[in-house]
Amino acid sequence: MKTRNHIFCALVAGAMALTACAKPGDRVLFDGKYYPTRSKKDGDERSNFVVTVRRAEQGIAGARQAGLWEATRYCVETVGDSTITWQPGSDPEAGGGFTDGGSMTLRGSCVKW
């Protein structure tokens, strides 16, 4: 399980590095579609976050990937590590994520090293 997480984190970090070189206005697509995301602190602790993925009705799998991407970005920028502990029912790799009105919500905590 740890190896799988490390491989995934390496892939996400590589993809993030590639998008840093992209032209302004380029968007990261998941399953060929654009899913606008937003992350913010959840409560008093900066390591706790909530990610909102809009346009989830385009495809749940793509919305989960976009949410995982945004959560990883948030944690790397906030605590310097991509390890995430998901709240029950929010793990996108396990089919989690709550949808409401076309948006998906994921909640978790960045693991501080």
N, C-alpha and C. Protein backbone atom coordinates (compact mmCIF):
# COMPACT_ATOMS: atom_id res chain seq x y z
N MET A 1 0.83 -1.19 0.00
CA MET A 1 0.00 0.00 0.00
C MET A 1 0.88 1.25 0.00
N LYS A 2 1.95 1.25 0.82
CA LYS A 2 2.84 2.41 0.87
C LYS A 2 3.48 2.64 -0.49
N THR A 3 3.92 1.56 -1.15
CA THR A 3 4.56 1.69 -2.46
C THR A 3 3.58 2.29 -3.45
N ARG A 4 2.34 1.84 -3.41
CA ARG A 4 1.32 2.38 -4.32
C ARG A 4 1.15 3.88 -4.11
N ASN A 5 1.13 4.30 -2.84
CA ASN A 5 0.99 5.73 -2.54
C ASN A 5 2.20 6.51 -3.04
N HIS A 6 3.39 5.96 -2.86
CA HIS A 6 4.60 6.64 -3.32
C HIS A 6 4.62 6.78 -4.84
N ILE A 7 4.21 5.73 -5.53
CA ILE A 7 4.17 5.78 -6.99
C ILE A 7 3.16 6.83 -7.44
N PHE A 8 1.97 6.81 -6.81
CA PHE A 8 0.95 7.78 -7.18
C PHE A 8 1.44 9.20 -6.92
N CYS A 9 2.06 9.42 -5.77
CA CYS A 9 2.56 10.75 -5.42
C CYS A 9 3.62 11.21 -6.42
N ALA A 10 4.48 10.29 -6.85
CA ALA A 10 5.50 10.63 -7.84
C ALA A 10 4.84 11.03 -9.16
N LEU A 11 3.80 10.30 -9.56
CA LEU A 11 3.10 10.64 -10.79
C LEU A 11 2.42 12.00 -10.70
N VAL A 12 1.79 12.26 -9.56
CA VAL A 12 1.12 13.55 -9.38
C VAL A 12 2.15 14.68 -9.38
N ALA A 13 3.27 14.47 -8.67
CA ALA A 13 4.31 15.50 -8.63
C ALA A 13 4.86 15.76 -10.04
N GLY A 14 5.06 14.71 -10.81
CA GLY A 14 5.54 14.87 -12.18
C GLY A 14 4.55 15.63 -13.04
N ALA A 15 3.28 15.29 -12.90
CA ALA A 15 2.25 15.99 -13.67
C ALA A 15 2.15 17.45 -13.27
N MET A 16 2.30 17.72 -11.96
CA MET A 16 2.27 19.10 -11.50
C MET A 16 3.45 19.89 -12.06
N ALA A 17 4.61 19.25 -12.12
CA ALA A 17 5.78 19.92 -12.66
C ALA A 17 5.58 20.25 -14.14
N LEU A 18 4.97 19.33 -14.86
CA LEU A 18 4.73 19.57 -16.29
C LEU A 18 3.74 20.70 -16.51
N THR A 19 2.72 20.79 -15.66
CA THR A 19 1.74 21.85 -15.85
C THR A 19 2.32 23.21 -15.48
N ALA A 20 3.35 23.23 -14.66
CA ALA A 20 3.99 24.50 -14.33
C ALA A 20 4.64 25.11 -15.57
N CYS A 21 4.97 24.28 -16.54
CA CYS A 21 5.60 24.75 -17.78
C CYS A 21 4.57 25.08 -18.86
N ALA A 22 3.32 24.83 -18.58
CA ALA A 22 2.28 25.06 -19.60
C ALA A 22 2.02 26.55 -19.78
N LYS A 23 1.44 26.86 -20.92
CA LYS A 23 1.08 28.25 -21.22
C LYS A 23 -0.05 28.70 -20.29
N PRO A 24 -0.08 30.00 -19.96
CA PRO A 24 -1.19 30.50 -19.15
C PRO A 24 -2.52 30.19 -19.84
N GLY A 25 -3.48 29.80 -19.05
CA GLY A 25 -4.80 29.49 -19.61
C GLY A 25 -5.00 28.02 -19.92
N ASP A 26 -3.91 27.24 -19.96
CA ASP A 26 -4.06 25.80 -20.18
C ASP A 26 -4.68 25.18 -18.93
N ARG A 27 -5.52 24.21 -19.14
CA ARG A 27 -6.22 23.56 -18.04
C ARG A 27 -5.85 22.09 -17.99
N VAL A 28 -5.81 21.54 -16.79
CA VAL A 28 -5.58 20.11 -16.62
C VAL A 28 -6.92 19.41 -16.82
N LEU A 29 -6.93 18.42 -17.67
CA LEU A 29 -8.15 17.68 -17.97
C LEU A 29 -8.10 16.31 -17.30
N PHE A 30 -9.25 15.83 -16.89
CA PHE A 30 -9.38 14.50 -16.31
C PHE A 30 -10.46 13.79 -17.10
N ASP A 31 -10.12 12.62 -17.62
CA ASP A 31 -11.00 11.89 -18.53
C ASP A 31 -11.45 12.78 -19.68
N GLY A 32 -10.55 13.67 -20.11
CA GLY A 32 -10.81 14.54 -21.25
C GLY A 32 -11.72 15.73 -20.95
N LYS A 33 -12.02 15.95 -19.69
CA LYS A 33 -12.94 17.04 -19.32
C LYS A 33 -12.29 17.93 -18.26
N TYR A 34 -12.74 19.18 -18.22
CA TYR A 34 -12.26 20.14 -17.22
C TYR A 34 -13.23 20.18 -16.04
N TYR A 35 -12.67 20.00 -14.85
CA TYR A 35 -13.45 20.06 -13.61
C TYR A 35 -12.87 21.17 -12.74
N PRO A 36 -13.55 22.32 -12.61
CA PRO A 36 -13.05 23.38 -11.75
C PRO A 36 -13.01 22.91 -10.28
N THR A 37 -11.89 23.17 -9.62
CA THR A 37 -11.74 22.76 -8.23
C THR A 37 -11.39 23.94 -7.34
N ARG A 38 -11.69 23.78 -6.07
CA ARG A 38 -11.33 24.78 -5.08
C ARG A 38 -11.02 24.07 -3.78
N SER A 39 -9.95 24.48 -3.13
CA SER A 39 -9.61 23.90 -1.83
C SER A 39 -9.50 25.03 -0.81
N LYS A 40 -9.84 24.69 0.42
CA LYS A 40 -9.71 25.68 1.49
C LYS A 40 -9.56 24.96 2.83
N LYS A 41 -9.05 25.71 3.78
CA LYS A 41 -8.87 25.21 5.13
C LYS A 41 -10.24 24.87 5.71
N ASP A 42 -10.30 23.79 6.48
CA ASP A 42 -11.54 23.36 7.10
C ASP A 42 -11.37 23.43 8.62
N GLY A 43 -11.87 24.47 9.23
CA GLY A 43 -11.72 24.64 10.67
C GLY A 43 -10.48 25.45 11.02
N ASP A 44 -10.01 25.28 12.25
CA ASP A 44 -8.87 26.05 12.74
C ASP A 44 -7.52 25.52 12.27
N GLU A 45 -7.44 24.25 12.02
CA GLU A 45 -6.17 23.61 11.65
C GLU A 45 -5.97 23.68 10.13
N ARG A 46 -4.85 24.28 9.69
CA ARG A 46 -4.58 24.42 8.25
C ARG A 46 -4.44 23.08 7.54
N SER A 47 -4.06 22.05 8.27
CA SER A 47 -3.87 20.75 7.62
C SER A 47 -5.21 20.10 7.27
N ASN A 48 -6.30 20.52 7.90
CA ASN A 48 -7.63 20.01 7.54
C ASN A 48 -8.17 20.82 6.37
N PHE A 49 -8.71 20.15 5.38
CA PHE A 49 -9.16 20.85 4.18
C PHE A 49 -10.46 20.28 3.64
N VAL A 50 -11.08 21.06 2.80
CA VAL A 50 -12.24 20.61 2.04
C VAL A 50 -11.99 21.00 0.58
N VAL A 51 -12.22 20.07 -0.33
CA VAL A 51 -12.07 20.31 -1.76
C VAL A 51 -13.45 20.21 -2.40
N THR A 52 -13.76 21.20 -3.21
CA THR A 52 -15.02 21.19 -3.96
C THR A 52 -14.68 21.06 -5.44
N VAL A 53 -15.31 20.10 -6.09
CA VAL A 53 -15.13 19.87 -7.53
C VAL A 53 -16.46 20.17 -8.20
N ARG A 54 -16.47 21.19 -9.05
CA ARG A 54 -17.70 21.52 -9.78
C ARG A 54 -17.78 20.70 -11.07
N ARG A 55 -18.96 20.68 -11.64
CA ARG A 55 -19.25 19.95 -12.88
C ARG A 55 -19.03 18.44 -12.74
N ALA A 56 -19.26 17.91 -11.55
CA ALA A 56 -19.07 16.48 -11.30
C ALA A 56 -20.00 15.62 -12.14
N GLU A 57 -21.09 16.20 -12.62
CA GLU A 57 -22.02 15.42 -13.45
C GLU A 57 -21.41 15.02 -14.79
N GLN A 58 -20.28 15.63 -15.16
CA GLN A 58 -19.60 15.24 -16.41
C GLN A 58 -19.06 13.82 -16.33
N GLY A 59 -18.79 13.37 -15.12
CA GLY A 59 -18.26 12.02 -14.90
C GLY A 59 -17.67 11.94 -13.50
N ILE A 60 -18.17 11.02 -12.72
CA ILE A 60 -17.74 10.90 -11.33
C ILE A 60 -16.26 10.51 -11.24
N ALA A 61 -15.80 9.61 -12.10
CA ALA A 61 -14.39 9.19 -12.05
C ALA A 61 -13.46 10.37 -12.30
N GLY A 62 -13.76 11.18 -13.29
CA GLY A 62 -12.95 12.35 -13.58
C GLY A 62 -12.99 13.37 -12.46
N ALA A 63 -14.17 13.54 -11.85
CA ALA A 63 -14.32 14.47 -10.73
C ALA A 63 -13.49 14.01 -9.54
N ARG A 64 -13.47 12.70 -9.28
CA ARG A 64 -12.65 12.18 -8.18
C ARG A 64 -11.17 12.42 -8.45
N GLN A 65 -10.74 12.20 -9.69
CA GLN A 65 -9.33 12.44 -10.04
C GLN A 65 -8.98 13.92 -9.86
N ALA A 66 -9.86 14.80 -10.29
CA ALA A 66 -9.62 16.24 -10.13
C ALA A 66 -9.56 16.62 -8.66
N GLY A 67 -10.43 16.03 -7.84
CA GLY A 67 -10.43 16.30 -6.41
C GLY A 67 -9.16 15.81 -5.74
N LEU A 68 -8.70 14.63 -6.14
CA LEU A 68 -7.45 14.10 -5.60
C LEU A 68 -6.27 14.98 -6.00
N TRP A 69 -6.28 15.44 -7.23
CA TRP A 69 -5.24 16.35 -7.74
C TRP A 69 -5.20 17.63 -6.90
N GLU A 70 -6.36 18.23 -6.68
CA GLU A 70 -6.44 19.48 -5.92
C GLU A 70 -6.05 19.27 -4.46
N ALA A 71 -6.49 18.17 -3.86
CA ALA A 71 -6.13 17.87 -2.47
C ALA A 71 -4.62 17.68 -2.33
N THR A 72 -4.01 16.99 -3.28
CA THR A 72 -2.56 16.77 -3.24
C THR A 72 -1.83 18.10 -3.39
N ARG A 73 -2.30 18.95 -4.30
CA ARG A 73 -1.69 20.27 -4.47
C ARG A 73 -1.78 21.08 -3.18
N TYR A 74 -2.95 21.07 -2.56
CA TYR A 74 -3.16 21.81 -1.31
C TYR A 74 -2.18 21.33 -0.23
N CYS A 75 -2.07 20.03 -0.05
CA CYS A 75 -1.20 19.49 1.00
C CYS A 75 0.28 19.77 0.72
N VAL A 76 0.71 19.65 -0.51
CA VAL A 76 2.11 19.94 -0.84
C VAL A 76 2.41 21.40 -0.55
N GLU A 77 1.51 22.29 -0.91
CA GLU A 77 1.72 23.72 -0.67
C GLU A 77 1.58 24.08 0.81
N THR A 78 0.74 23.36 1.55
CA THR A 78 0.47 23.71 2.94
C THR A 78 1.46 23.10 3.92
N VAL A 79 1.73 21.80 3.79
CA VAL A 79 2.61 21.13 4.76
C VAL A 79 3.85 20.51 4.13
N GLY A 80 3.95 20.57 2.82
CA GLY A 80 5.15 20.05 2.15
C GLY A 80 5.15 18.55 1.93
N ASP A 81 4.01 17.90 2.05
CA ASP A 81 3.92 16.45 1.85
C ASP A 81 2.58 16.15 1.17
N SER A 82 2.55 15.10 0.38
CA SER A 82 1.32 14.77 -0.35
C SER A 82 0.50 13.68 0.31
N THR A 83 0.90 13.25 1.51
CA THR A 83 0.16 12.20 2.20
C THR A 83 -1.12 12.78 2.80
N ILE A 84 -2.24 12.09 2.54
CA ILE A 84 -3.55 12.57 2.96
C ILE A 84 -4.27 11.49 3.75
N THR A 85 -4.89 11.89 4.85
CA THR A 85 -5.80 11.03 5.58
C THR A 85 -7.20 11.54 5.27
N TRP A 86 -8.00 10.69 4.63
CA TRP A 86 -9.34 11.11 4.20
C TRP A 86 -10.35 10.89 5.31
N GLN A 87 -11.32 11.78 5.41
CA GLN A 87 -12.44 11.56 6.32
C GLN A 87 -13.28 10.42 5.76
N PRO A 88 -13.98 9.68 6.63
CA PRO A 88 -14.79 8.56 6.14
C PRO A 88 -15.73 8.97 5.01
N GLY A 89 -15.69 8.18 3.93
CA GLY A 89 -16.55 8.43 2.78
C GLY A 89 -16.00 9.42 1.77
N SER A 90 -14.79 9.97 2.03
CA SER A 90 -14.24 10.98 1.13
C SER A 90 -13.07 10.49 0.29
N ASP A 91 -12.55 9.30 0.52
CA ASP A 91 -11.37 8.83 -0.20
C ASP A 91 -11.71 8.60 -1.67
N PRO A 92 -11.16 9.44 -2.58
CA PRO A 92 -11.51 9.29 -4.01
C PRO A 92 -11.01 7.98 -4.60
N GLU A 93 -9.92 7.42 -4.07
CA GLU A 93 -9.41 6.15 -4.59
C GLU A 93 -10.30 4.98 -4.19
N ALA A 94 -11.12 5.16 -3.15
CA ALA A 94 -12.02 4.11 -2.70
C ALA A 94 -13.46 4.39 -3.13
N GLY A 95 -13.64 5.29 -4.09
CA GLY A 95 -14.98 5.59 -4.59
C GLY A 95 -15.75 6.57 -3.75
N GLY A 96 -15.06 7.32 -2.91
CA GLY A 96 -15.73 8.27 -2.03
C GLY A 96 -16.00 9.60 -2.71
N GLY A 97 -16.58 10.48 -1.96
CA GLY A 97 -16.90 11.82 -2.46
C GLY A 97 -18.39 12.02 -2.47
N PHE A 98 -18.84 13.10 -1.87
CA PHE A 98 -20.27 13.39 -1.80
C PHE A 98 -20.62 14.35 -2.92
N THR A 99 -21.71 14.08 -3.61
CA THR A 99 -22.15 14.97 -4.67
C THR A 99 -23.44 15.66 -4.26
N ASP A 100 -23.53 16.92 -4.64
CA ASP A 100 -24.71 17.71 -4.33
C ASP A 100 -24.81 18.83 -5.35
N GLY A 101 -25.88 18.86 -6.09
CA GLY A 101 -26.10 19.94 -7.04
C GLY A 101 -25.03 20.05 -8.11
N GLY A 102 -24.47 18.94 -8.55
CA GLY A 102 -23.46 18.98 -9.59
C GLY A 102 -22.04 19.15 -9.09
N SER A 103 -21.85 19.28 -7.78
CA SER A 103 -20.51 19.43 -7.20
C SER A 103 -20.19 18.23 -6.32
N MET A 104 -18.89 17.92 -6.22
CA MET A 104 -18.42 16.86 -5.36
C MET A 104 -17.60 17.49 -4.24
N THR A 105 -17.74 16.98 -3.03
CA THR A 105 -17.01 17.49 -1.89
C THR A 105 -16.17 16.38 -1.28
N LEU A 106 -14.89 16.66 -1.07
CA LEU A 106 -13.96 15.73 -0.43
C LEU A 106 -13.35 16.42 0.78
N ARG A 107 -13.22 15.69 1.89
CA ARG A 107 -12.63 16.25 3.11
C ARG A 107 -11.51 15.35 3.59
N GLY A 108 -10.46 15.98 4.09
CA GLY A 108 -9.35 15.21 4.61
C GLY A 108 -8.39 16.06 5.40
N SER A 109 -7.27 15.44 5.76
CA SER A 109 -6.22 16.14 6.51
C SER A 109 -4.87 15.80 5.88
N CYS A 110 -4.04 16.82 5.74
CA CYS A 110 -2.69 16.63 5.26
C CYS A 110 -1.86 16.06 6.41
N VAL A 111 -1.07 15.05 6.12
CA VAL A 111 -0.22 14.45 7.14
C VAL A 111 1.08 15.24 7.19
N LYS A 112 1.35 15.79 8.36
CA LYS A 112 2.58 16.57 8.55
C LYS A 112 3.74 15.60 8.80
N TRP A 113 4.86 15.90 8.24
CA TRP A 113 6.02 15.04 8.45
C TRP A 113 6.94 15.61 9.45
